[in-house]
Amino acid sequence: MKPAGAPAVSVLMPTRDRARTLPASIESVLKQTFADLELLVVDDGSRDETRQVLARFTDPRVQVLDGARRGLACALNTGLAAARGRYVIQMDSDDTWLPELLASQVAILEAHPDSGLVWARGRVLDADGAPTHEVWGGPLRWPEDPLGSLLYSDPVCNITALKRRACFERTGCYDPAADPSSDWDLHLRIARHYPVRFNDAVLAHIGRYGDNITGRLDEFHASRIRVLDKLFGSPDLPAPQRALRPLAYSNVHAEHGFHRWSGGDYRRALPLFREALSVSDARARTAARILWFTAGRPLVRLRARRRSRALDARAGVS
């Protein structure tokens, strides 16, 4: 039950120096077909025109909070403390939602009251704002093992991930020590205690800018390792998931290598591939995956294009 007068959904939007992209992100939230929401924009110490941009929005559903430049997780926790909705979702201030995102995701959690989290897909845009064939978000690798699936590889497109507010009472808030992977850390904790669901639809557009978090690859990689260290340091982690430790670390190293390789930084990719092989307990499979990615790039790109076209066809996009 939500308190009288409270919205169904609280949207947390941390932002710092995003005056250029912020208006489109906010508009995409306010134009949702599901309008029973509040948008909590947490200005994490912006030094550009962010405050002037925010002052232009007079919709009563928008509330601006001060994040005091303490980082992503702290900004999200500031928003979470003020949130009144029974559902919570994080929205980045350089991305946009398609109009039906909230309606689609809320309907799934309403239909499955035992589930704590649902996510969908997001399509990456290029620097000019044109859609690419790159799509983030996917199904669980092992539907019967949500936590193991999220350990194997993070399939969650974060800006589409709607959480049940009650989950935070059991799992705790966003962890600043996990930044900039505090979302993955939270989703792993949710998956330990609740069923999670995947909505196989493209519901968001992801901006690609040189200064966004996933562009800071070394910092992102280090945070992924910290998240794994934290989880595998938990004494009550079930044995089946604890057995995934070598594979989880191996995949994090390999995926960092894939990012470096895709950007043409082969010199820095190779040590990451070696590290992935050294910690893996299935070296032949790890080697095959690395070989497929590096030597089979044309096939990887072809597969991505085919998947993208199939998603477009299903959505009726010409």
Protein backbone atom coordinates (compact mmCIF):
# COMPACT_ATOMS: atom_id res chain seq x y z
CA MET A 1 0.00 0.00 0.00
CA LYS A 2 1.29 3.46 -0.85
CA PRO A 3 0.56 6.43 1.46
CA ALA A 4 -2.40 8.59 0.47
CA GLY A 5 -1.36 11.06 -2.18
CA ALA A 6 1.93 9.30 -2.89
CA PRO A 7 2.86 8.45 -6.49
CA ALA A 8 3.20 4.86 -7.64
CA VAL A 9 6.72 5.35 -9.04
CA SER A 10 9.67 7.36 -7.77
CA VAL A 11 12.20 8.17 -10.48
CA LEU A 12 15.70 8.92 -9.14
CA MET A 13 17.78 11.03 -11.53
CA PRO A 14 21.29 11.86 -10.25
CA THR A 15 23.03 14.46 -12.37
CA ARG A 16 26.27 16.38 -12.47
CA ASP A 17 27.18 18.88 -15.20
CA ARG A 18 24.64 17.50 -17.68
CA ALA A 19 22.91 20.74 -18.64
CA ARG A 20 23.11 19.81 -22.32
CA THR A 21 21.44 16.41 -22.08
CA LEU A 22 19.29 16.90 -18.97
CA PRO A 23 16.23 18.49 -20.66
CA ALA A 24 15.62 15.55 -23.01
CA SER A 25 16.01 13.07 -20.15
CA ILE A 26 13.51 14.92 -17.97
CA GLU A 27 11.03 15.34 -20.83
CA SER A 28 11.15 11.60 -21.55
CA VAL A 29 10.15 10.92 -17.95
CA LEU A 30 7.35 13.49 -17.87
CA LYS A 31 5.94 12.20 -21.18
CA GLN A 32 5.44 8.65 -19.90
CA THR A 33 2.03 7.18 -20.61
CA PHE A 34 2.11 6.06 -16.97
CA ALA A 35 1.87 9.46 -15.30
CA ASP A 36 1.58 8.49 -11.61
CA LEU A 37 5.17 9.36 -10.79
CA GLU A 38 7.51 11.73 -9.06
CA LEU A 39 10.87 12.74 -10.52
CA LEU A 40 13.58 13.38 -7.93
CA VAL A 41 16.49 15.11 -9.64
CA VAL A 42 19.54 15.04 -7.39
CA ASP A 43 22.03 17.71 -8.45
CA ASP A 44 25.35 16.27 -7.33
CA GLY A 45 27.26 19.55 -7.22
CA SER A 46 26.94 20.66 -10.85
CA ARG A 47 29.11 23.59 -11.94
CA ASP A 48 27.49 24.22 -15.30
CA GLU A 49 23.99 25.58 -16.09
CA THR A 50 22.17 22.59 -14.55
CA ARG A 51 20.28 24.67 -11.97
CA GLN A 52 19.10 27.12 -14.64
CA VAL A 53 17.91 24.21 -16.76
CA LEU A 54 16.03 22.67 -13.83
CA ALA A 55 14.36 25.99 -13.03
CA ARG A 56 12.58 25.84 -16.39
CA PHE A 57 10.61 22.73 -15.36
CA THR A 58 7.43 23.71 -13.52
CA ASP A 59 5.72 20.31 -13.52
CA PRO A 60 4.78 19.66 -9.87
CA ARG A 61 6.03 16.08 -10.20
CA VAL A 62 9.63 17.35 -10.44
CA GLN A 63 11.56 17.89 -7.21
CA VAL A 64 15.20 19.06 -7.11
CA LEU A 65 17.46 17.81 -4.31
CA ASP A 66 21.03 18.71 -3.38
CA GLY A 67 23.51 15.85 -3.72
CA ALA A 68 26.48 17.81 -2.31
CA ARG A 69 28.94 16.32 -4.86
CA ARG A 70 29.40 13.07 -2.94
CA GLY A 71 29.12 10.66 -5.87
CA LEU A 72 26.55 8.52 -7.65
CA ALA A 73 25.46 6.13 -4.88
CA CYS A 74 25.14 8.94 -2.31
CA ALA A 75 23.07 10.96 -4.78
CA LEU A 76 20.81 7.96 -5.37
CA ASN A 77 20.44 7.44 -1.62
CA THR A 78 19.49 11.11 -1.23
CA GLY A 79 16.74 10.56 -3.77
CA LEU A 80 15.73 7.26 -2.19
CA ALA A 81 15.32 8.89 1.23
CA ALA A 82 12.82 11.35 -0.27
CA ALA A 83 11.04 8.81 -2.48
CA ARG A 84 7.38 8.04 -1.72
CA GLY A 85 6.51 5.54 -4.46
CA ARG A 86 6.06 1.81 -4.04
CA TYR A 87 8.33 1.35 -7.07
CA VAL A 88 11.75 2.94 -7.63
CA ILE A 89 13.77 3.33 -10.81
CA GLN A 90 17.03 5.09 -11.62
CA MET A 91 17.19 7.30 -14.71
CA ASP A 92 20.46 8.70 -16.05
CA SER A 93 20.51 12.35 -17.09
CA ASP A 94 22.02 11.62 -20.50
CA ASP A 95 19.55 8.91 -21.59
CA THR A 96 15.89 8.89 -22.61
CA TRP A 97 12.91 6.61 -22.11
CA LEU A 98 10.37 5.57 -24.69
CA PRO A 99 6.87 6.68 -23.60
CA GLU A 100 5.62 3.24 -22.59
CA LEU A 101 8.55 2.20 -20.37
CA LEU A 102 6.93 2.74 -16.98
CA ALA A 103 3.54 1.39 -18.05
CA SER A 104 5.17 -1.79 -19.31
CA GLN A 105 7.43 -2.35 -16.31
CA VAL A 106 4.84 -1.50 -13.66
CA ALA A 107 2.36 -3.92 -15.26
CA ILE A 108 4.89 -6.76 -14.93
CA LEU A 109 5.62 -6.16 -11.24
CA GLU A 110 1.90 -5.73 -10.56
CA ALA A 111 1.25 -9.08 -12.22
CA HIS A 112 4.09 -10.77 -10.28
CA PRO A 113 3.94 -9.49 -6.68
CA ASP A 114 6.72 -11.86 -5.58
CA SER A 115 9.25 -10.29 -7.98
CA GLY A 116 11.58 -7.55 -6.83
CA LEU A 117 13.03 -6.30 -10.11
CA VAL A 118 12.21 -6.13 -13.81
CA TRP A 119 14.36 -4.75 -16.62
CA ALA A 120 14.12 -4.41 -20.38
CA ARG A 121 16.43 -3.49 -23.26
CA GLY A 122 17.93 -0.13 -24.22
CA ARG A 123 19.25 0.83 -27.64
CA VAL A 124 22.54 2.76 -27.81
CA LEU A 125 22.60 5.99 -29.81
CA ASP A 126 25.72 7.31 -31.51
CA ALA A 127 27.25 10.72 -30.79
CA ASP A 128 24.83 12.33 -33.26
CA GLY A 129 21.80 10.73 -31.60
CA ALA A 130 21.18 8.16 -34.32
CA PRO A 131 20.18 4.60 -33.26
CA THR A 132 22.88 1.95 -33.54
CA HIS A 133 22.61 -1.84 -33.63
CA GLU A 134 24.04 -2.04 -30.09
CA VAL A 135 21.40 -3.09 -27.55
CA TRP A 136 21.92 -3.36 -23.80
CA GLY A 137 19.98 -5.70 -21.55
CA GLY A 138 19.11 -9.33 -21.99
CA PRO A 139 17.58 -12.41 -20.39
CA LEU A 140 18.97 -14.43 -17.52
CA ARG A 141 21.54 -16.99 -18.62
CA TRP A 142 20.05 -19.49 -16.17
CA PRO A 143 16.38 -18.61 -15.49
CA GLU A 144 16.31 -20.93 -12.50
CA ASP A 145 19.32 -19.13 -10.94
CA PRO A 146 18.92 -15.32 -11.05
CA LEU A 147 21.88 -14.61 -8.77
CA GLY A 148 24.17 -16.94 -10.70
CA SER A 149 23.08 -15.32 -13.96
CA LEU A 150 23.87 -11.83 -12.68
CA LEU A 151 27.24 -13.08 -11.47
CA TYR A 152 28.08 -14.63 -14.83
CA SER A 153 27.50 -11.35 -16.63
CA ASP A 154 25.40 -8.29 -15.87
CA PRO A 155 22.33 -8.52 -18.16
CA VAL A 156 20.48 -5.55 -16.64
CA CYS A 157 19.99 -2.33 -18.59
CA ASN A 158 19.94 -0.14 -15.50
CA ILE A 159 17.76 2.72 -16.73
CA THR A 160 14.96 0.23 -17.45
CA ALA A 161 15.25 -1.56 -14.09
CA LEU A 162 12.15 -1.02 -11.95
CA LYS A 163 12.56 -2.10 -8.32
CA ARG A 164 9.93 -2.75 -5.70
CA ARG A 165 10.52 -0.24 -2.88
CA ALA A 166 10.13 -2.98 -0.27
CA CYS A 167 13.32 -4.60 -1.59
CA PHE A 168 15.45 -1.84 -0.09
CA GLU A 169 14.17 -2.65 3.39
CA ARG A 170 15.78 -6.09 3.04
CA THR A 171 18.82 -5.39 0.87
CA GLY A 172 19.82 -1.92 2.04
CA CYS A 173 20.52 1.16 -0.05
CA TYR A 174 23.06 1.90 -2.78
CA ASP A 175 26.64 1.27 -1.64
CA PRO A 176 29.05 4.20 -2.26
CA ALA A 177 31.99 1.79 -2.08
CA ALA A 178 30.63 0.05 -5.19
CA ASP A 179 30.56 3.16 -7.40
CA PRO A 180 30.31 3.33 -10.36
CA SER A 181 28.87 -0.20 -10.26
CA SER A 182 26.49 0.43 -7.34
CA ASP A 183 23.56 -0.57 -9.58
CA TRP A 184 25.02 -4.04 -10.26
CA ASP A 185 25.80 -4.44 -6.57
CA LEU A 186 22.19 -3.61 -5.69
CA HIS A 187 20.75 -5.94 -8.33
CA LEU A 188 22.88 -8.81 -7.05
CA ARG A 189 21.53 -8.23 -3.55
CA ILE A 190 17.98 -8.16 -4.84
CA ALA A 191 18.54 -11.37 -6.82
CA ARG A 192 19.66 -13.12 -3.61
CA HIS A 193 16.23 -12.62 -2.08
CA TYR A 194 13.64 -12.10 -4.83
CA PRO A 195 12.68 -13.45 -8.24
CA VAL A 196 13.66 -11.05 -11.03
CA ARG A 197 12.20 -10.66 -14.52
CA PHE A 198 13.25 -9.59 -18.00
CA ASN A 199 10.92 -7.74 -20.36
CA ASP A 200 12.09 -8.49 -23.92
CA ALA A 201 11.40 -5.06 -25.41
CA VAL A 202 13.47 -1.97 -26.26
CA LEU A 203 12.14 0.73 -23.93
CA ALA A 204 14.99 3.25 -23.69
CA HIS A 205 17.69 5.05 -25.64
CA ILE A 206 21.20 5.23 -24.21
CA GLY A 207 23.35 8.24 -25.06
CA ARG A 208 26.99 7.70 -25.86
CA TYR A 209 29.24 10.51 -24.65
CA GLY A 210 32.95 10.54 -23.97
CA ASP A 211 32.51 11.47 -20.31
CA ASN A 212 29.84 9.03 -19.19
CA ILE A 213 30.66 6.44 -16.53
CA THR A 214 31.16 3.42 -18.76
CA GLY A 215 33.61 5.52 -20.77
CA ARG A 216 35.95 5.48 -17.73
CA LEU A 217 36.89 1.87 -18.29
CA ASP A 218 39.59 1.36 -15.67
CA GLU A 219 37.43 2.87 -12.92
CA PHE A 220 34.45 0.80 -14.05
CA HIS A 221 36.51 -2.42 -14.12
CA ALA A 222 37.94 -1.78 -10.65
CA SER A 223 34.44 -1.24 -9.27
CA ARG A 224 33.25 -4.53 -10.77
CA ILE A 225 36.06 -6.34 -8.96
CA ARG A 226 35.08 -4.62 -5.68
CA VAL A 227 31.48 -5.75 -6.11
CA LEU A 228 32.63 -9.36 -6.58
CA ASP A 229 35.01 -9.13 -3.62
CA LYS A 230 32.12 -7.93 -1.46
CA LEU A 231 29.69 -10.62 -2.59
CA PHE A 232 32.11 -13.55 -2.37
CA GLY A 233 33.26 -12.26 1.01
CA SER A 234 29.76 -12.86 2.33
CA PRO A 235 29.85 -15.92 4.62
CA ASP A 236 26.24 -16.87 3.88
CA LEU A 237 26.52 -16.92 0.08
CA PRO A 238 24.95 -20.22 -1.08
CA ALA A 239 27.36 -22.90 -2.30
CA PRO A 240 26.09 -23.05 -5.94
CA GLN A 241 26.75 -19.34 -6.42
CA ARG A 242 30.04 -19.45 -4.50
CA ALA A 243 31.22 -22.09 -6.98
CA LEU A 244 30.86 -19.46 -9.74
CA ARG A 245 33.66 -17.34 -8.28
CA PRO A 246 36.37 -18.21 -10.86
CA LEU A 247 33.96 -17.72 -13.75
CA ALA A 248 32.64 -14.41 -12.40
CA TYR A 249 36.11 -12.87 -12.02
CA SER A 250 37.23 -14.28 -15.36
CA ASN A 251 34.26 -12.77 -17.15
CA VAL A 252 34.78 -9.33 -15.60
CA HIS A 253 38.40 -9.30 -16.81
CA ALA A 254 37.39 -10.59 -20.25
CA GLU A 255 34.62 -8.02 -20.67
CA HIS A 256 37.03 -5.20 -19.81
CA GLY A 257 39.35 -6.65 -22.43
CA PHE A 258 36.50 -6.74 -24.96
CA HIS A 259 35.85 -3.02 -24.36
CA ARG A 260 39.54 -2.24 -24.86
CA TRP A 261 39.72 -4.41 -27.97
CA SER A 262 36.61 -2.81 -29.47
CA GLY A 263 38.23 0.60 -29.03
CA GLY A 264 41.41 -0.53 -30.78
CA ASP A 265 43.47 -0.57 -27.58
CA TYR A 266 44.91 -4.04 -28.23
CA ARG A 267 47.97 -3.49 -26.04
CA ARG A 268 45.82 -3.05 -22.92
CA ALA A 269 43.31 -5.71 -23.93
CA LEU A 270 45.81 -8.56 -24.09
CA PRO A 271 46.84 -8.51 -20.38
CA LEU A 272 43.16 -8.52 -19.44
CA PHE A 273 42.58 -11.60 -21.58
CA ARG A 274 45.57 -13.28 -19.92
CA GLU A 275 44.15 -12.44 -16.49
CA ALA A 276 40.76 -13.83 -17.52
CA LEU A 277 42.40 -17.10 -18.53
CA SER A 278 44.57 -17.31 -15.39
CA VAL A 279 41.63 -17.09 -12.95
CA SER A 280 39.19 -19.19 -14.98
CA ASP A 281 38.35 -22.75 -13.99
CA ALA A 282 37.17 -23.41 -17.56
CA ARG A 283 40.10 -22.12 -19.61
CA ALA A 284 39.11 -23.79 -22.86
CA ARG A 285 35.69 -22.14 -22.76
CA THR A 286 37.20 -18.78 -21.77
CA ALA A 287 39.76 -19.01 -24.57
CA ALA A 288 37.05 -19.85 -27.07
CA ARG A 289 35.00 -16.85 -25.95
CA ILE A 290 37.98 -14.51 -26.29
CA LEU A 291 38.86 -15.96 -29.69
CA TRP A 292 35.29 -15.61 -30.89
CA PHE A 293 35.20 -11.97 -29.84
CA THR A 294 38.58 -10.96 -31.23
CA ALA A 295 38.85 -13.04 -34.39
CA GLY A 296 35.16 -13.24 -35.15
CA ARG A 297 34.30 -9.56 -34.86
CA PRO A 298 32.56 -9.41 -38.28
CA LEU A 299 30.32 -12.27 -37.16
CA VAL A 300 29.74 -10.59 -33.78
CA ARG A 301 28.67 -7.39 -35.52
CA LEU A 302 26.48 -9.31 -37.95
CA ARG A 303 24.79 -11.09 -35.07
CA ALA A 304 24.20 -7.75 -33.33
CA ARG A 305 22.66 -6.29 -36.48
CA ARG A 306 20.38 -9.30 -36.92
CA ARG A 307 19.24 -9.14 -33.31
CA SER A 308 18.63 -5.40 -33.66
CA ARG A 309 16.55 -5.88 -36.80
CA ALA A 310 14.56 -8.67 -35.17
CA LEU A 311 13.74 -6.40 -32.23
CA ASP A 312 12.73 -3.62 -34.62
CA ALA A 313 10.52 -5.98 -36.62
CA ARG A 314 8.80 -7.19 -33.47
CA ALA A 315 8.21 -3.59 -32.36
CA GLY A 316 6.89 -2.58 -35.79
CA VAL A 317 9.79 -0.22 -36.56
CA SER A 318 10.43 0.12 -40.28
